[in-house]
Amino acid sequence: MSDGYVVEVKASARKVSASAGQWVREHGSRRQFSTKALAKQWARTMSPPGYTVWVQDAVPWDDSVDGYVVGGRRVPPRKDPDPGEQAALAGEDDDA
């Protein structure tokens, strides 16, 4: 890539963030930053309550950008990670 860090605002970010959608309408789907850290900071400012907008590195074969601005709902980890009790499937032998 060229100087700086170029991102493409993806549809997932536009779906969860009106700010991201407005930016794309006014400026286009790509934006250049001097650093990845500044791109990440900009993405955070577009995160609405209950959703997260973040920067994800581009796939290696995409030479057109350095990263993607994506969005979605981040689910917090379960407070009780215990999956509960498990039972044998019908027809299984316990002696196996």
N, C-alpha and C. Protein backbone atom coordinates (compact mmCIF):
# COMPACT_ATOMS: atom_id res chain seq x y z
N MET A 1 0.83 -1.19 0.00
CA MET A 1 0.00 0.00 0.00
C MET A 1 0.88 1.25 0.00
N SER A 2 0.23 2.37 -0.18
CA SER A 2 0.93 3.65 -0.20
C SER A 2 1.20 4.14 1.22
N ASP A 3 1.63 5.38 1.33
CA ASP A 3 1.88 5.97 2.65
C ASP A 3 0.61 5.96 3.48
N GLY A 4 0.78 5.73 4.76
CA GLY A 4 -0.38 5.75 5.65
C GLY A 4 -1.11 4.42 5.70
N TYR A 5 -2.35 4.50 6.14
CA TYR A 5 -3.18 3.31 6.32
C TYR A 5 -4.54 3.60 5.69
N VAL A 6 -4.88 2.86 4.65
CA VAL A 6 -6.13 3.08 3.91
C VAL A 6 -7.14 2.03 4.33
N VAL A 7 -8.36 2.50 4.66
CA VAL A 7 -9.43 1.58 5.04
C VAL A 7 -10.61 1.73 4.08
N GLU A 8 -11.38 0.66 3.98
CA GLU A 8 -12.63 0.67 3.24
C GLU A 8 -13.75 0.42 4.24
N VAL A 9 -14.74 1.28 4.24
CA VAL A 9 -15.88 1.13 5.15
C VAL A 9 -16.82 0.12 4.54
N LYS A 10 -16.98 -1.02 5.21
CA LYS A 10 -17.80 -2.11 4.70
C LYS A 10 -19.27 -1.93 5.07
N ALA A 11 -20.13 -2.70 4.39
CA ALA A 11 -21.57 -2.60 4.61
C ALA A 11 -21.96 -2.89 6.05
N SER A 12 -21.25 -3.79 6.71
CA SER A 12 -21.60 -4.12 8.10
C SER A 12 -21.46 -2.91 9.01
N ALA A 13 -20.47 -2.06 8.75
CA ALA A 13 -20.30 -0.83 9.55
C ALA A 13 -21.41 0.15 9.23
N ARG A 14 -21.78 0.25 7.96
CA ARG A 14 -22.84 1.18 7.58
C ARG A 14 -24.19 0.75 8.13
N LYS A 15 -24.39 -0.55 8.28
CA LYS A 15 -25.67 -1.06 8.81
C LYS A 15 -25.86 -0.72 10.28
N VAL A 16 -24.78 -0.77 11.06
CA VAL A 16 -24.92 -0.53 12.50
C VAL A 16 -24.64 0.91 12.90
N SER A 17 -24.03 1.69 12.03
CA SER A 17 -23.64 3.05 12.39
C SER A 17 -24.13 4.06 11.35
N ALA A 18 -25.04 4.91 11.78
CA ALA A 18 -25.51 5.98 10.89
C ALA A 18 -24.35 6.91 10.53
N SER A 19 -23.43 7.11 11.46
CA SER A 19 -22.26 7.97 11.19
C SER A 19 -21.40 7.40 10.07
N ALA A 20 -21.21 6.09 10.07
CA ALA A 20 -20.42 5.46 9.01
C ALA A 20 -21.13 5.60 7.67
N GLY A 21 -22.44 5.37 7.66
CA GLY A 21 -23.21 5.51 6.43
C GLY A 21 -23.17 6.93 5.88
N GLN A 22 -23.30 7.90 6.77
CA GLN A 22 -23.25 9.30 6.35
C GLN A 22 -21.88 9.65 5.78
N TRP A 23 -20.81 9.17 6.43
CA TRP A 23 -19.47 9.45 5.94
C TRP A 23 -19.28 8.89 4.53
N VAL A 24 -19.75 7.66 4.31
CA VAL A 24 -19.61 7.04 2.98
C VAL A 24 -20.40 7.83 1.93
N ARG A 25 -21.61 8.27 2.28
CA ARG A 25 -22.41 9.05 1.33
C ARG A 25 -21.71 10.36 0.95
N GLU A 26 -21.05 10.97 1.92
CA GLU A 26 -20.42 12.27 1.68
C GLU A 26 -19.02 12.18 1.07
N HIS A 27 -18.28 11.11 1.38
CA HIS A 27 -16.87 11.05 1.00
C HIS A 27 -16.46 9.81 0.21
N GLY A 28 -17.31 8.82 0.12
CA GLY A 28 -16.93 7.57 -0.54
C GLY A 28 -16.56 6.51 0.49
N SER A 29 -16.31 5.30 0.04
CA SER A 29 -16.13 4.17 0.96
C SER A 29 -14.71 3.99 1.48
N ARG A 30 -13.77 4.80 1.00
CA ARG A 30 -12.37 4.65 1.46
C ARG A 30 -11.88 5.92 2.12
N ARG A 31 -11.00 5.71 3.10
CA ARG A 31 -10.40 6.84 3.80
C ARG A 31 -8.96 6.50 4.12
N GLN A 32 -8.09 7.49 4.02
CA GLN A 32 -6.68 7.30 4.33
C GLN A 32 -6.35 8.00 5.65
N PHE A 33 -5.58 7.29 6.48
CA PHE A 33 -5.10 7.82 7.76
C PHE A 33 -3.58 7.75 7.76
N SER A 34 -2.96 8.54 8.60
CA SER A 34 -1.50 8.49 8.68
C SER A 34 -1.03 7.24 9.41
N THR A 35 -1.89 6.68 10.31
CA THR A 35 -1.52 5.46 11.04
C THR A 35 -2.75 4.57 11.23
N LYS A 36 -2.50 3.30 11.51
CA LYS A 36 -3.59 2.38 11.82
C LYS A 36 -4.27 2.79 13.13
N ALA A 37 -3.50 3.29 14.08
CA ALA A 37 -4.08 3.70 15.36
C ALA A 37 -5.12 4.80 15.16
N LEU A 38 -4.87 5.74 14.26
CA LEU A 38 -5.85 6.79 14.00
C LEU A 38 -7.09 6.23 13.32
N ALA A 39 -6.92 5.24 12.45
CA ALA A 39 -8.08 4.59 11.82
C ALA A 39 -8.94 3.89 12.87
N LYS A 40 -8.28 3.22 13.81
CA LYS A 40 -9.01 2.53 14.87
C LYS A 40 -9.76 3.52 15.77
N GLN A 41 -9.12 4.64 16.06
CA GLN A 41 -9.76 5.67 16.89
C GLN A 41 -11.00 6.22 16.17
N TRP A 42 -10.89 6.48 14.88
CA TRP A 42 -12.02 6.99 14.10
C TRP A 42 -13.17 5.97 14.10
N ALA A 43 -12.84 4.70 13.93
CA ALA A 43 -13.88 3.66 13.92
C ALA A 43 -14.61 3.63 15.27
N ARG A 44 -13.86 3.73 16.37
CA ARG A 44 -14.49 3.72 17.70
C ARG A 44 -15.48 4.86 17.87
N THR A 45 -15.17 6.02 17.29
CA THR A 45 -16.08 7.16 17.44
C THR A 45 -17.40 6.94 16.71
N MET A 46 -17.44 6.02 15.79
CA MET A 46 -18.66 5.74 15.04
C MET A 46 -19.50 4.63 15.67
N SER A 47 -19.05 4.05 16.76
CA SER A 47 -19.78 2.95 17.40
C SER A 47 -20.99 3.46 18.17
N PRO A 48 -22.20 3.07 17.75
CA PRO A 48 -23.39 3.48 18.50
C PRO A 48 -23.59 2.58 19.72
N PRO A 49 -24.43 2.99 20.67
CA PRO A 49 -24.69 2.14 21.84
C PRO A 49 -25.16 0.74 21.44
N GLY A 50 -24.55 -0.27 22.05
CA GLY A 50 -24.94 -1.65 21.79
C GLY A 50 -24.26 -2.30 20.60
N TYR A 51 -23.48 -1.54 19.85
CA TYR A 51 -22.79 -2.05 18.68
C TYR A 51 -21.34 -1.58 18.71
N THR A 52 -20.51 -2.24 17.92
CA THR A 52 -19.10 -1.86 17.84
C THR A 52 -18.70 -1.73 16.38
N VAL A 53 -17.97 -0.68 16.09
CA VAL A 53 -17.36 -0.50 14.77
C VAL A 53 -15.86 -0.57 15.01
N TRP A 54 -15.17 -1.37 14.23
CA TRP A 54 -13.74 -1.57 14.45
C TRP A 54 -13.00 -1.74 13.13
N VAL A 55 -11.68 -1.69 13.19
CA VAL A 55 -10.83 -1.89 12.02
C VAL A 55 -10.28 -3.30 12.04
N GLN A 56 -10.41 -3.96 10.92
CA GLN A 56 -9.90 -5.32 10.73
C GLN A 56 -8.90 -5.27 9.59
N ASP A 57 -7.76 -5.91 9.74
CA ASP A 57 -6.77 -5.93 8.67
C ASP A 57 -7.35 -6.56 7.41
N ALA A 58 -6.95 -6.03 6.27
CA ALA A 58 -7.40 -6.58 4.99
C ALA A 58 -6.76 -7.95 4.77
N VAL A 59 -7.42 -8.75 3.95
CA VAL A 59 -6.86 -10.06 3.60
C VAL A 59 -5.61 -9.84 2.76
N PRO A 60 -4.67 -10.76 2.83
CA PRO A 60 -3.38 -10.56 2.15
C PRO A 60 -3.49 -10.33 0.64
N TRP A 61 -4.49 -10.88 -0.01
CA TRP A 61 -4.60 -10.74 -1.46
C TRP A 61 -5.33 -9.47 -1.88
N ASP A 62 -5.79 -8.66 -0.94
CA ASP A 62 -6.44 -7.39 -1.28
C ASP A 62 -5.39 -6.28 -1.21
N ASP A 63 -4.85 -5.92 -2.36
CA ASP A 63 -3.81 -4.89 -2.42
C ASP A 63 -4.38 -3.47 -2.47
N SER A 64 -5.70 -3.35 -2.52
CA SER A 64 -6.30 -2.02 -2.69
C SER A 64 -6.41 -1.24 -1.39
N VAL A 65 -6.44 -1.93 -0.24
CA VAL A 65 -6.57 -1.27 1.06
C VAL A 65 -5.73 -2.00 2.10
N ASP A 66 -5.51 -1.33 3.23
CA ASP A 66 -4.78 -1.94 4.33
C ASP A 66 -5.73 -2.60 5.34
N GLY A 67 -6.94 -2.09 5.43
CA GLY A 67 -7.88 -2.62 6.41
C GLY A 67 -9.31 -2.30 6.04
N TYR A 68 -10.22 -2.90 6.81
CA TYR A 68 -11.65 -2.70 6.60
C TYR A 68 -12.25 -2.15 7.89
N VAL A 69 -13.18 -1.23 7.75
CA VAL A 69 -13.97 -0.76 8.89
C VAL A 69 -15.24 -1.59 8.86
N VAL A 70 -15.44 -2.40 9.90
CA VAL A 70 -16.58 -3.31 9.96
C VAL A 70 -17.36 -3.04 11.24
N GLY A 71 -18.57 -3.57 11.30
CA GLY A 71 -19.39 -3.33 12.48
C GLY A 71 -20.24 -4.52 12.83
N GLY A 72 -20.69 -4.55 14.05
CA GLY A 72 -21.55 -5.62 14.51
C GLY A 72 -21.79 -5.51 16.00
N ARG A 73 -22.45 -6.51 16.51
CA ARG A 73 -22.75 -6.56 17.94
C ARG A 73 -21.75 -7.50 18.57
N ARG A 74 -21.02 -7.01 19.52
CA ARG A 74 -20.07 -7.86 20.24
C ARG A 74 -20.81 -8.42 21.45
N VAL A 75 -20.87 -9.72 21.55
CA VAL A 75 -21.56 -10.37 22.65
C VAL A 75 -20.58 -10.56 23.81
N PRO A 76 -20.95 -10.08 25.00
CA PRO A 76 -20.04 -10.25 26.13
C PRO A 76 -19.92 -11.73 26.50
N PRO A 77 -18.80 -12.13 27.09
CA PRO A 77 -18.64 -13.53 27.49
C PRO A 77 -19.66 -13.92 28.56
N ARG A 78 -20.03 -15.20 28.56
CA ARG A 78 -20.97 -15.69 29.57
C ARG A 78 -20.37 -15.56 30.95
N LYS A 79 -21.21 -15.20 31.92
CA LYS A 79 -20.72 -15.09 33.29
C LYS A 79 -20.48 -16.47 33.89
N ASP A 80 -21.27 -17.45 33.46
CA ASP A 80 -21.11 -18.82 33.95
C ASP A 80 -20.80 -19.71 32.75
N PRO A 81 -19.51 -19.98 32.50
CA PRO A 81 -19.16 -20.76 31.31
C PRO A 81 -19.47 -22.25 31.43
N ASP A 82 -20.04 -22.70 32.55
CA ASP A 82 -20.37 -24.10 32.74
C ASP A 82 -21.46 -24.52 31.74
N PRO A 83 -21.18 -25.48 30.84
CA PRO A 83 -22.16 -25.86 29.83
C PRO A 83 -23.28 -26.74 30.40
N GLY A 84 -23.19 -27.13 31.64
CA GLY A 84 -24.23 -27.99 32.22
C GLY A 84 -23.83 -29.45 32.13
N GLU A 85 -24.75 -30.31 32.53
CA GLU A 85 -24.47 -31.75 32.50
C GLU A 85 -24.71 -32.30 31.12
N GLN A 86 -23.95 -33.35 30.79
CA GLN A 86 -24.11 -34.02 29.51
C GLN A 86 -24.63 -35.41 29.75
N ALA A 87 -25.43 -35.90 28.82
CA ALA A 87 -25.99 -37.24 28.91
C ALA A 87 -25.55 -38.04 27.69
N ALA A 88 -25.49 -39.35 27.84
CA ALA A 88 -25.13 -40.23 26.73
C ALA A 88 -26.28 -40.24 25.72
N LEU A 89 -25.93 -40.40 24.45
CA LEU A 89 -26.93 -40.52 23.40
C LEU A 89 -27.59 -41.89 23.49
N ALA A 90 -28.83 -41.96 23.08
CA ALA A 90 -29.56 -43.24 23.09
C ALA A 90 -28.81 -44.24 22.22
N GLY A 91 -28.63 -45.45 22.74
CA GLY A 91 -27.95 -46.51 22.00
C GLY A 91 -26.47 -46.59 22.29
N GLU A 92 -25.90 -45.66 23.04
CA GLU A 92 -24.49 -45.74 23.38
C GLU A 92 -24.30 -46.62 24.59
N ASP A 93 -23.22 -47.39 24.57
CA ASP A 93 -22.88 -48.21 25.74
C ASP A 93 -21.95 -47.43 26.64
N ASP A 94 -22.15 -47.56 27.94
CA ASP A 94 -21.28 -46.88 28.89
C ASP A 94 -19.94 -47.62 29.04
N ASP A 95 -19.84 -48.86 28.56
CA ASP A 95 -18.64 -49.67 28.72
C ASP A 95 -17.62 -49.43 27.61
N ALA A 96 -17.87 -48.57 26.69
CA ALA A 96 -17.01 -48.41 25.51
C ALA A 96 -15.67 -47.85 25.82
